[in-house]
């Protein structure tokens, strides 16, 4: 998708990433044209100063010697952990006299994914005057460490009924009373 030159002591801005999802970046080390000596790399780049990110997995460069005009790559896989900002530094040890180690930061923001409301399956065949329990227990929040903070049930259609508590996962109500021969009724509820 293109490349960006990251200067020594620069930052690779990652933008907004989801919490708990591994991200992989490939970095290219160039021995720029005009160089007359090979660039010798020492080992695998290392990560330091981790903030709100799990320990990255870093691959060794494809070559430990980069000839003038040549390049090699390595990958970094990291996982942002919680909502907020994340960052860490990468150090690439080499034999360049003025850029050893070659350091740059990786940083970004971790998004707060909205929870998913699940009002449960449709309930059919409910008897006249029966107690009915709505079921929002299938609602979820995909952010690590987060849980559903609140429930809000509202009736959007049908004969009006009173919920026992519209702010819990499983409120109850009494189904409308129907006489023999009355048409069935459909009640619709929304969970947010």
C-alpha atoms as a PDB file:
ATOM      1  CA  UNK A   1       0.000   0.000   0.000  1.00  0.00           C
ATOM      2  CA  UNK A   2       3.006   2.277  -0.288  1.00  0.00           C
ATOM      3  CA  UNK A   3       5.889   3.108   1.969  1.00  0.00           C
ATOM      4  CA  UNK A   4       6.860   5.917   4.268  1.00  0.00           C
ATOM      5  CA  UNK A   5      10.396   6.917   5.143  1.00  0.00           C
ATOM      6  CA  UNK A   6      10.832   6.889   8.908  1.00  0.00           C
ATOM      7  CA  UNK A   7      13.849   8.947   9.975  1.00  0.00           C
ATOM      8  CA  UNK A   8      16.109   7.952  12.848  1.00  0.00           C
ATOM      9  CA  UNK A   9      14.242   8.940  16.051  1.00  0.00           C
ATOM     10  CA  UNK A  10      11.049   9.351  13.976  1.00  0.00           C
ATOM     11  CA  UNK A  11       7.577   7.880  14.529  1.00  0.00           C
ATOM     12  CA  UNK A  12       5.476   5.476  12.488  1.00  0.00           C
ATOM     13  CA  UNK A  13       1.921   6.676  13.198  1.00  0.00           C
ATOM     14  CA  UNK A  14      -0.458   3.713  13.080  1.00  0.00           C
ATOM     15  CA  UNK A  15      -3.777   5.567  13.344  1.00  0.00           C
ATOM     16  CA  UNK A  16      -6.666   3.931  15.184  1.00  0.00           C
ATOM     17  CA  UNK A  17      -6.509   0.189  15.861  1.00  0.00           C
ATOM     18  CA  UNK A  18      -8.895  -2.200  17.630  1.00  0.00           C
ATOM     19  CA  UNK A  19      -7.990  -3.520  21.074  1.00  0.00           C
ATOM     20  CA  UNK A  20      -6.881  -7.127  21.277  1.00  0.00           C
ATOM     21  CA  UNK A  21      -6.263  -7.552  17.540  1.00  0.00           C
ATOM     22  CA  UNK A  22      -2.744  -8.325  16.314  1.00  0.00           C
ATOM     23  CA  UNK A  23      -1.314  -5.899  13.750  1.00  0.00           C
ATOM     24  CA  UNK A  24       1.657  -6.760  11.513  1.00  0.00           C
ATOM     25  CA  UNK A  25       3.928  -4.232   9.802  1.00  0.00           C
ATOM     26  CA  UNK A  26       6.786  -4.929   7.411  1.00  0.00           C
ATOM     27  CA  UNK A  27       9.724  -2.533   7.555  1.00  0.00           C
ATOM     28  CA  UNK A  28      12.393  -2.145   4.894  1.00  0.00           C
ATOM     29  CA  UNK A  29      15.968  -1.203   5.740  1.00  0.00           C
ATOM     30  CA  UNK A  30      17.629   0.568   2.799  1.00  0.00           C
ATOM     31  CA  UNK A  31      21.336   1.184   2.347  1.00  0.00           C
ATOM     32  CA  UNK A  32      20.754   4.376   0.386  1.00  0.00           C
ATOM     33  CA  UNK A  33      22.274   5.028  -2.985  1.00  0.00           C
ATOM     34  CA  UNK A  34      25.545   6.874  -2.622  1.00  0.00           C
ATOM     35  CA  UNK A  35      26.600   4.595   0.227  1.00  0.00           C
ATOM     36  CA  UNK A  36      29.945   2.981  -0.454  1.00  0.00           C
ATOM     37  CA  UNK A  37      30.053   0.480   2.411  1.00  0.00           C
ATOM     38  CA  UNK A  38      27.778  -2.389   3.299  1.00  0.00           C
ATOM     39  CA  UNK A  39      25.465  -1.798   6.269  1.00  0.00           C
ATOM     40  CA  UNK A  40      25.889  -4.579   8.811  1.00  0.00           C
ATOM     41  CA  UNK A  41      22.950  -5.325  11.109  1.00  0.00           C
ATOM     42  CA  UNK A  42      23.433  -6.916  14.501  1.00  0.00           C
ATOM     43  CA  UNK A  43      20.732  -9.404  15.440  1.00  0.00           C
ATOM     44  CA  UNK A  44      16.990  -8.850  15.482  1.00  0.00           C
ATOM     45  CA  UNK A  45      15.583  -5.369  16.154  1.00  0.00           C
ATOM     46  CA  UNK A  46      14.322  -4.988  19.724  1.00  0.00           C
ATOM     47  CA  UNK A  47      11.308  -3.268  21.281  1.00  0.00           C
ATOM     48  CA  UNK A  48      11.395  -1.068  24.375  1.00  0.00           C
ATOM     49  CA  UNK A  49       9.266   1.474  26.251  1.00  0.00           C
ATOM     50  CA  UNK A  50       6.056  -0.504  25.698  1.00  0.00           C
ATOM     51  CA  UNK A  51       2.889   1.392  26.602  1.00  0.00           C
ATOM     52  CA  UNK A  52      -0.593  -0.174  26.300  1.00  0.00           C
ATOM     53  CA  UNK A  53       0.672  -2.890  23.954  1.00  0.00           C
ATOM     54  CA  UNK A  54       1.649  -6.533  24.382  1.00  0.00           C
ATOM     55  CA  UNK A  55       5.268  -7.557  23.774  1.00  0.00           C
ATOM     56  CA  UNK A  56       5.809  -7.356  19.998  1.00  0.00           C
ATOM     57  CA  UNK A  57       7.066 -10.296  17.957  1.00  0.00           C
ATOM     58  CA  UNK A  58       9.891  -9.164  15.679  1.00  0.00           C
ATOM     59  CA  UNK A  59      11.394 -11.197  12.853  1.00  0.00           C
ATOM     60  CA  UNK A  60      15.078 -11.102  12.020  1.00  0.00           C
ATOM     61  CA  UNK A  61      15.961  -9.124   8.887  1.00  0.00           C
ATOM     62  CA  UNK A  62      16.216 -11.261   5.771  1.00  0.00           C
ATOM     63  CA  UNK A  63      19.910 -10.386   5.527  1.00  0.00           C
ATOM     64  CA  UNK A  64      22.374  -9.180   8.150  1.00  0.00           C
ATOM     65  CA  UNK A  65      24.415  -7.359   5.483  1.00  0.00           C
ATOM     66  CA  UNK A  66      22.809  -4.758   3.221  1.00  0.00           C
ATOM     67  CA  UNK A  67      25.047  -3.818   0.292  1.00  0.00           C
ATOM     68  CA  UNK A  68      25.089  -0.252  -1.083  1.00  0.00           C
ATOM     69  CA  UNK A  69      21.796   0.401  -2.887  1.00  0.00           C
ATOM     70  CA  UNK A  70      20.282  -2.774  -1.389  1.00  0.00           C
ATOM     71  CA  UNK A  71      17.579  -3.466   1.156  1.00  0.00           C
ATOM     72  CA  UNK A  72      16.234  -6.077   3.549  1.00  0.00           C
ATOM     73  CA  UNK A  73      12.987  -6.379   5.503  1.00  0.00           C
ATOM     74  CA  UNK A  74      11.733  -7.449   8.925  1.00  0.00           C
ATOM     75  CA  UNK A  75       8.247  -7.689  10.406  1.00  0.00           C
ATOM     76  CA  UNK A  76       6.806  -6.494  13.687  1.00  0.00           C
ATOM     77  CA  UNK A  77       3.569  -7.930  15.077  1.00  0.00           C
ATOM     78  CA  UNK A  78       2.028  -6.128  18.048  1.00  0.00           C
ATOM     79  CA  UNK A  79      -1.318  -6.142  19.856  1.00  0.00           C
ATOM     80  CA  UNK A  80      -2.771  -2.954  21.376  1.00  0.00           C
ATOM     81  CA  UNK A  81      -4.355  -3.845  24.704  1.00  0.00           C
ATOM     82  CA  UNK A  82      -6.794  -1.226  26.013  1.00  0.00           C
ATOM     83  CA  UNK A  83      -8.668   1.868  24.889  1.00  0.00           C
ATOM     84  CA  UNK A  84      -6.373   4.918  24.741  1.00  0.00           C
ATOM     85  CA  UNK A  85      -2.998   5.516  23.148  1.00  0.00           C
ATOM     86  CA  UNK A  86      -0.299   2.909  22.589  1.00  0.00           C
ATOM     87  CA  UNK A  87       3.373   3.186  21.711  1.00  0.00           C
ATOM     88  CA  UNK A  88       6.705   1.416  21.726  1.00  0.00           C
ATOM     89  CA  UNK A  89      10.200   2.002  20.373  1.00  0.00           C
ATOM     90  CA  UNK A  90      12.148  -0.151  17.918  1.00  0.00           C
ATOM     91  CA  UNK A  91      15.936  -0.265  17.980  1.00  0.00           C
ATOM     92  CA  UNK A  92      17.861  -1.557  14.959  1.00  0.00           C
ATOM     93  CA  UNK A  93      21.502  -2.135  15.924  1.00  0.00           C
ATOM     94  CA  UNK A  94      23.946  -1.697  13.030  1.00  0.00           C
ATOM     95  CA  UNK A  95      27.433  -0.432  12.180  1.00  0.00           C
ATOM     96  CA  UNK A  96      26.409   2.999  10.798  1.00  0.00           C
ATOM     97  CA  UNK A  97      28.590   5.514  12.623  1.00  0.00           C
ATOM     98  CA  UNK A  98      25.896   8.160  13.122  1.00  0.00           C
ATOM     99  CA  UNK A  99      22.700   6.061  13.296  1.00  0.00           C
ATOM    100  CA  UNK A 100      23.510   3.201  15.625  1.00  0.00           C
ATOM    101  CA  UNK A 101      21.148   2.149  16.866  1.00  0.00           C
ATOM    102  CA  UNK A 102      18.560   3.325  14.357  1.00  0.00           C
ATOM    103  CA  UNK A 103      15.549   4.068  16.582  1.00  0.00           C
ATOM    104  CA  UNK A 104      11.950   4.867  15.801  1.00  0.00           C
ATOM    105  CA  UNK A 105       8.633   4.786  17.625  1.00  0.00           C
ATOM    106  CA  UNK A 106       5.407   3.069  16.675  1.00  0.00           C
ATOM    107  CA  UNK A 107       2.302   4.716  18.096  1.00  0.00           C
ATOM    108  CA  UNK A 108      -1.428   5.027  17.661  1.00  0.00           C
ATOM    109  CA  UNK A 109      -4.806   5.018  19.330  1.00  0.00           C
ATOM    110  CA  UNK A 110      -6.883   2.050  20.456  1.00  0.00           C
ATOM    111  CA  UNK A 111     -10.544   2.368  19.520  1.00  0.00           C
ATOM    112  CA  UNK A 112     -13.370   1.651  21.905  1.00  0.00           C
ATOM    113  CA  UNK A 113     -15.502  -0.802  19.974  1.00  0.00           C
ATOM    114  CA  UNK A 114     -19.210  -0.330  20.659  1.00  0.00           C
ATOM    115  CA  UNK A 115     -20.957  -3.164  22.474  1.00  0.00           C
ATOM    116  CA  UNK A 116     -23.370  -5.376  20.550  1.00  0.00           C
ATOM    117  CA  UNK A 117     -26.919  -5.494  21.896  1.00  0.00           C
ATOM    118  CA  UNK A 118     -28.663  -8.846  21.467  1.00  0.00           C
ATOM    119  CA  UNK A 119     -32.354  -8.883  22.425  1.00  0.00           C
ATOM    120  CA  UNK A 120     -32.564 -12.675  22.147  1.00  0.00           C
ATOM    121  CA  UNK A 121     -34.793 -14.803  19.910  1.00  0.00           C
ATOM    122  CA  UNK A 122     -38.400 -13.950  19.105  1.00  0.00           C
ATOM    123  CA  UNK A 123     -40.857 -15.437  21.585  1.00  0.00           C
ATOM    124  CA  UNK A 124     -43.982 -16.921  20.010  1.00  0.00           C
ATOM    125  CA  UNK A 125     -46.970 -18.784  21.375  1.00  0.00           C
ATOM    126  CA  UNK A 126     -47.040 -16.802  24.631  1.00  0.00           C
ATOM    127  CA  UNK A 127     -50.244 -17.407  26.582  1.00  0.00           C
ATOM    128  CA  UNK A 128     -52.653 -14.566  27.366  1.00  0.00           C
ATOM    129  CA  UNK A 129     -51.676 -12.915  30.686  1.00  0.00           C
ATOM    130  CA  UNK A 130     -48.431 -14.938  30.998  1.00  0.00           C
ATOM    131  CA  UNK A 131     -45.279 -13.505  32.515  1.00  0.00           C
ATOM    132  CA  UNK A 132     -42.717 -12.978  29.766  1.00  0.00           C
ATOM    133  CA  UNK A 133     -38.989 -12.494  30.335  1.00  0.00           C
ATOM    134  CA  UNK A 134     -36.931 -10.613  27.754  1.00  0.00           C
ATOM    135  CA  UNK A 135     -33.353 -11.851  27.358  1.00  0.00           C
ATOM    136  CA  UNK A 136     -30.474  -9.480  26.647  1.00  0.00           C
ATOM    137  CA  UNK A 137     -27.842 -11.789  28.164  1.00  0.00           C
ATOM    138  CA  UNK A 138     -26.372 -12.485  24.705  1.00  0.00           C
ATOM    139  CA  UNK A 139     -25.175  -8.874  24.451  1.00  0.00           C
ATOM    140  CA  UNK A 140     -21.394  -8.490  24.349  1.00  0.00           C
ATOM    141  CA  UNK A 141     -18.476  -6.085  24.340  1.00  0.00           C
ATOM    142  CA  UNK A 142     -15.430  -7.181  22.328  1.00  0.00           C
ATOM    143  CA  UNK A 143     -12.953  -4.833  24.018  1.00  0.00           C
ATOM    144  CA  UNK A 144     -10.611  -6.738  26.365  1.00  0.00           C
ATOM    145  CA  UNK A 145     -11.578  -6.183  29.978  1.00  0.00           C
ATOM    146  CA  UNK A 146     -14.839  -4.413  29.099  1.00  0.00           C
ATOM    147  CA  UNK A 147     -18.304  -5.649  29.984  1.00  0.00           C
ATOM    148  CA  UNK A 148     -21.809  -4.386  29.311  1.00  0.00           C
ATOM    149  CA  UNK A 149     -22.235  -1.320  31.517  1.00  0.00           C
ATOM    150  CA  UNK A 150     -25.986  -0.872  31.100  1.00  0.00           C
ATOM    151  CA  UNK A 151     -29.114  -2.077  29.338  1.00  0.00           C
ATOM    152  CA  UNK A 152     -31.964   0.056  28.023  1.00  0.00           C
ATOM    153  CA  UNK A 153     -35.105  -1.717  26.811  1.00  0.00           C
ATOM    154  CA  UNK A 154     -37.890   0.154  25.055  1.00  0.00           C
ATOM    155  CA  UNK A 155     -41.136  -1.023  23.494  1.00  0.00           C
ATOM    156  CA  UNK A 156     -41.400   0.047  19.859  1.00  0.00           C
ATOM    157  CA  UNK A 157     -44.690  -1.560  18.751  1.00  0.00           C
ATOM    158  CA  UNK A 158     -47.778  -3.400  19.958  1.00  0.00           C
ATOM    159  CA  UNK A 159     -50.139  -3.142  22.925  1.00  0.00           C
ATOM    160  CA  UNK A 160     -48.338  -1.132  25.594  1.00  0.00           C
ATOM    161  CA  UNK A 161     -47.036  -3.163  28.547  1.00  0.00           C
ATOM    162  CA  UNK A 162     -44.992  -2.201  31.600  1.00  0.00           C
ATOM    163  CA  UNK A 163     -41.526  -3.673  31.997  1.00  0.00           C
ATOM    164  CA  UNK A 164     -40.439  -4.663  35.496  1.00  0.00           C
ATOM    165  CA  UNK A 165     -37.137  -2.799  34.972  1.00  0.00           C
ATOM    166  CA  UNK A 166     -35.993  -1.519  31.578  1.00  0.00           C
ATOM    167  CA  UNK A 167     -32.348  -1.222  32.743  1.00  0.00           C
ATOM    168  CA  UNK A 168     -31.496  -4.906  33.310  1.00  0.00           C
ATOM    169  CA  UNK A 169     -30.644  -7.796  30.978  1.00  0.00           C
ATOM    170  CA  UNK A 170     -33.843  -9.725  31.677  1.00  0.00           C
ATOM    171  CA  UNK A 171     -36.868  -7.584  32.499  1.00  0.00           C
ATOM    172  CA  UNK A 172     -40.326  -9.138  32.714  1.00  0.00           C
ATOM    173  CA  UNK A 173     -43.809  -8.030  31.719  1.00  0.00           C
ATOM    174  CA  UNK A 174     -47.292  -9.481  31.705  1.00  0.00           C
ATOM    175  CA  UNK A 175     -48.561 -10.398  28.248  1.00  0.00           C
ATOM    176  CA  UNK A 176     -51.788  -8.627  27.245  1.00  0.00           C
ATOM    177  CA  UNK A 177     -54.965 -10.477  28.223  1.00  0.00           C
ATOM    178  CA  UNK A 178     -56.901 -11.681  25.209  1.00  0.00           C
ATOM    179  CA  UNK A 179     -60.386 -13.161  24.967  1.00  0.00           C
ATOM    180  CA  UNK A 180     -61.152 -16.289  22.975  1.00  0.00           C
ATOM    181  CA  UNK A 181     -61.403 -15.312  19.324  1.00  0.00           C
ATOM    182  CA  UNK A 182     -59.298 -12.128  19.700  1.00  0.00           C
ATOM    183  CA  UNK A 183     -56.548 -11.823  17.091  1.00  0.00           C
ATOM    184  CA  UNK A 184     -53.029 -12.422  18.327  1.00  0.00           C
ATOM    185  CA  UNK A 185     -50.859  -9.396  19.095  1.00  0.00           C
ATOM    186  CA  UNK A 186     -47.220  -8.747  18.387  1.00  0.00           C
ATOM    187  CA  UNK A 187     -45.101  -6.719  20.784  1.00  0.00           C
ATOM    188  CA  UNK A 188     -41.737  -5.395  19.663  1.00  0.00           C
ATOM    189  CA  UNK A 189     -38.899  -4.327  21.954  1.00  0.00           C
ATOM    190  CA  UNK A 190     -35.530  -2.727  21.281  1.00  0.00           C
ATOM    191  CA  UNK A 191     -32.403  -3.175  23.364  1.00  0.00           C
ATOM    192  CA  UNK A 192     -29.638  -0.580  23.335  1.00  0.00           C
END
